Amino acid sequence: MIVCRIAEEITYIMKDLIGKGGYKNIVGLSSSLGKDVIPRISGYFASQPISDITEVIVFLSIFRVKILM
């Protein structure tokens, strides 16, 4: 059985890069891979991911849009 573990491998690489680079913010796409990788990375660094951002005006100001159906 072949198991595709792309998210685990990307998370492992990203943890090393983020830890060595001293980054404060990380941006990911809202694809299925991004939705799988970002929570793993935030769990490793004990931080809370923010999702569904539609606009960033300044560093500390973000907007979210929720679509109700």
C-alpha atoms as a PDB file:
ATOM      1  CA  MET A   1       0.000   0.000   0.000  1.00  0.00           C
ATOM      2  CA  ILE A   2       1.390   3.374  -1.036  1.00  0.00           C
ATOM      3  CA  VAL A   3       0.715   6.176   1.422  1.00  0.00           C
ATOM      4  CA  CYS A   4       1.077   9.800   0.350  1.00  0.00           C
ATOM      5  CA  ARG A   5       2.420  11.827   3.275  1.00  0.00           C
ATOM      6  CA  ILE A   6       3.081  15.161   1.602  1.00  0.00           C
ATOM      7  CA  ALA A   7       1.690  17.249   4.488  1.00  0.00           C
ATOM      8  CA  GLU A   8       3.936  15.554   7.044  1.00  0.00           C
ATOM      9  CA  GLU A   9       7.017  16.032   4.884  1.00  0.00           C
ATOM     10  CA  ILE A  10       6.250  19.691   4.146  1.00  0.00           C
ATOM     11  CA  THR A  11       5.558  20.336   7.836  1.00  0.00           C
ATOM     12  CA  TYR A  12       8.910  18.812   8.792  1.00  0.00           C
ATOM     13  CA  ILE A  13      10.766  21.011   6.289  1.00  0.00           C
ATOM     14  CA  MET A  14       8.802  24.152   7.244  1.00  0.00           C
ATOM     15  CA  LYS A  15       9.484  23.642  10.980  1.00  0.00           C
ATOM     16  CA  ASP A  16      13.216  23.692  10.319  1.00  0.00           C
ATOM     17  CA  LEU A  17      13.046  26.737   8.041  1.00  0.00           C
ATOM     18  CA  ILE A  18      10.804  28.712  10.399  1.00  0.00           C
ATOM     19  CA  GLY A  19      12.890  27.844  13.451  1.00  0.00           C
ATOM     20  CA  LYS A  20      16.166  28.866  11.798  1.00  0.00           C
ATOM     21  CA  GLY A  21      14.772  31.939  10.041  1.00  0.00           C
ATOM     22  CA  GLY A  22      13.005  33.528  13.007  1.00  0.00           C
ATOM     23  CA  TYR A  23       9.825  34.276  11.052  1.00  0.00           C
ATOM     24  CA  LYS A  24       6.881  35.891  12.840  1.00  0.00           C
ATOM     25  CA  ASN A  25       4.206  35.410  10.162  1.00  0.00           C
ATOM     26  CA  ILE A  26       3.530  32.580   7.754  1.00  0.00           C
ATOM     27  CA  VAL A  27       1.029  32.729   4.912  1.00  0.00           C
ATOM     28  CA  GLY A  28      -0.468  29.698   3.228  1.00  0.00           C
ATOM     29  CA  LEU A  29      -3.001  29.046   0.516  1.00  0.00           C
ATOM     30  CA  SER A  30      -6.526  27.937   1.263  1.00  0.00           C
ATOM     31  CA  SER A  31      -6.042  24.734  -0.708  1.00  0.00           C
ATOM     32  CA  SER A  32      -6.502  21.339   0.877  1.00  0.00           C
ATOM     33  CA  LEU A  33      -2.737  21.037   1.326  1.00  0.00           C
ATOM     34  CA  GLY A  34      -2.506  24.463   2.973  1.00  0.00           C
ATOM     35  CA  LYS A  35      -5.398  23.620   5.273  1.00  0.00           C
ATOM     36  CA  ASP A  36      -3.526  20.481   6.289  1.00  0.00           C
ATOM     37  CA  VAL A  37      -0.050  21.982   6.731  1.00  0.00           C
ATOM     38  CA  ILE A  38      -0.780  25.300   8.505  1.00  0.00           C
ATOM     39  CA  PRO A  39      -2.522  23.750  11.571  1.00  0.00           C
ATOM     40  CA  ARG A  40       0.339  21.268  11.945  1.00  0.00           C
ATOM     41  CA  ILE A  41       2.924  24.052  11.896  1.00  0.00           C
ATOM     42  CA  SER A  42       0.940  26.221  14.315  1.00  0.00           C
ATOM     43  CA  GLY A  43       0.572  23.253  16.662  1.00  0.00           C
ATOM     44  CA  TYR A  44       4.315  22.729  16.669  1.00  0.00           C
ATOM     45  CA  PHE A  45       4.947  26.381  17.584  1.00  0.00           C
ATOM     46  CA  ALA A  46       1.970  26.547  20.025  1.00  0.00           C
ATOM     47  CA  SER A  47       0.224  29.325  18.105  1.00  0.00           C
ATOM     48  CA  GLN A  48      -3.265  29.823  16.713  1.00  0.00           C
ATOM     49  CA  PRO A  49      -3.754  29.918  12.919  1.00  0.00           C
ATOM     50  CA  ILE A  50      -6.065  32.564  11.472  1.00  0.00           C
ATOM     51  CA  SER A  51      -8.052  31.412   8.465  1.00  0.00           C
ATOM     52  CA  ASP A  52     -10.329  32.949   5.844  1.00  0.00           C
ATOM     53  CA  ILE A  53      -8.493  36.273   5.640  1.00  0.00           C
ATOM     54  CA  THR A  54      -9.685  38.318   2.690  1.00  0.00           C
ATOM     55  CA  GLU A  55      -7.633  41.496   3.088  1.00  0.00           C
ATOM     56  CA  VAL A  56      -4.588  42.709   5.001  1.00  0.00           C
ATOM     57  CA  ILE A  57      -4.432  46.498   5.291  1.00  0.00           C
ATOM     58  CA  VAL A  58      -1.672  46.929   7.863  1.00  0.00           C
ATOM     59  CA  PHE A  59       0.289  44.424   9.870  1.00  0.00           C
ATOM     60  CA  LEU A  60      -2.191  44.184  12.783  1.00  0.00           C
ATOM     61  CA  SER A  61      -5.451  44.738  10.875  1.00  0.00           C
ATOM     62  CA  ILE A  62      -7.149  41.888   9.003  1.00  0.00           C
ATOM     63  CA  PHE A  63     -10.639  41.297   7.641  1.00  0.00           C
ATOM     64  CA  ARG A  64     -12.557  38.049   7.550  1.00  0.00           C
ATOM     65  CA  VAL A  65     -15.624  37.310   5.509  1.00  0.00           C
ATOM     66  CA  LYS A  66     -18.044  34.593   6.529  1.00  0.00           C
ATOM     67  CA  ILE A  67     -20.508  33.400   3.929  1.00  0.00           C
ATOM     68  CA  LEU A  68     -23.753  32.145   5.390  1.00  0.00           C
ATOM     69  CA  MET A  69     -25.878  29.856   3.292  1.00  0.00           C
END
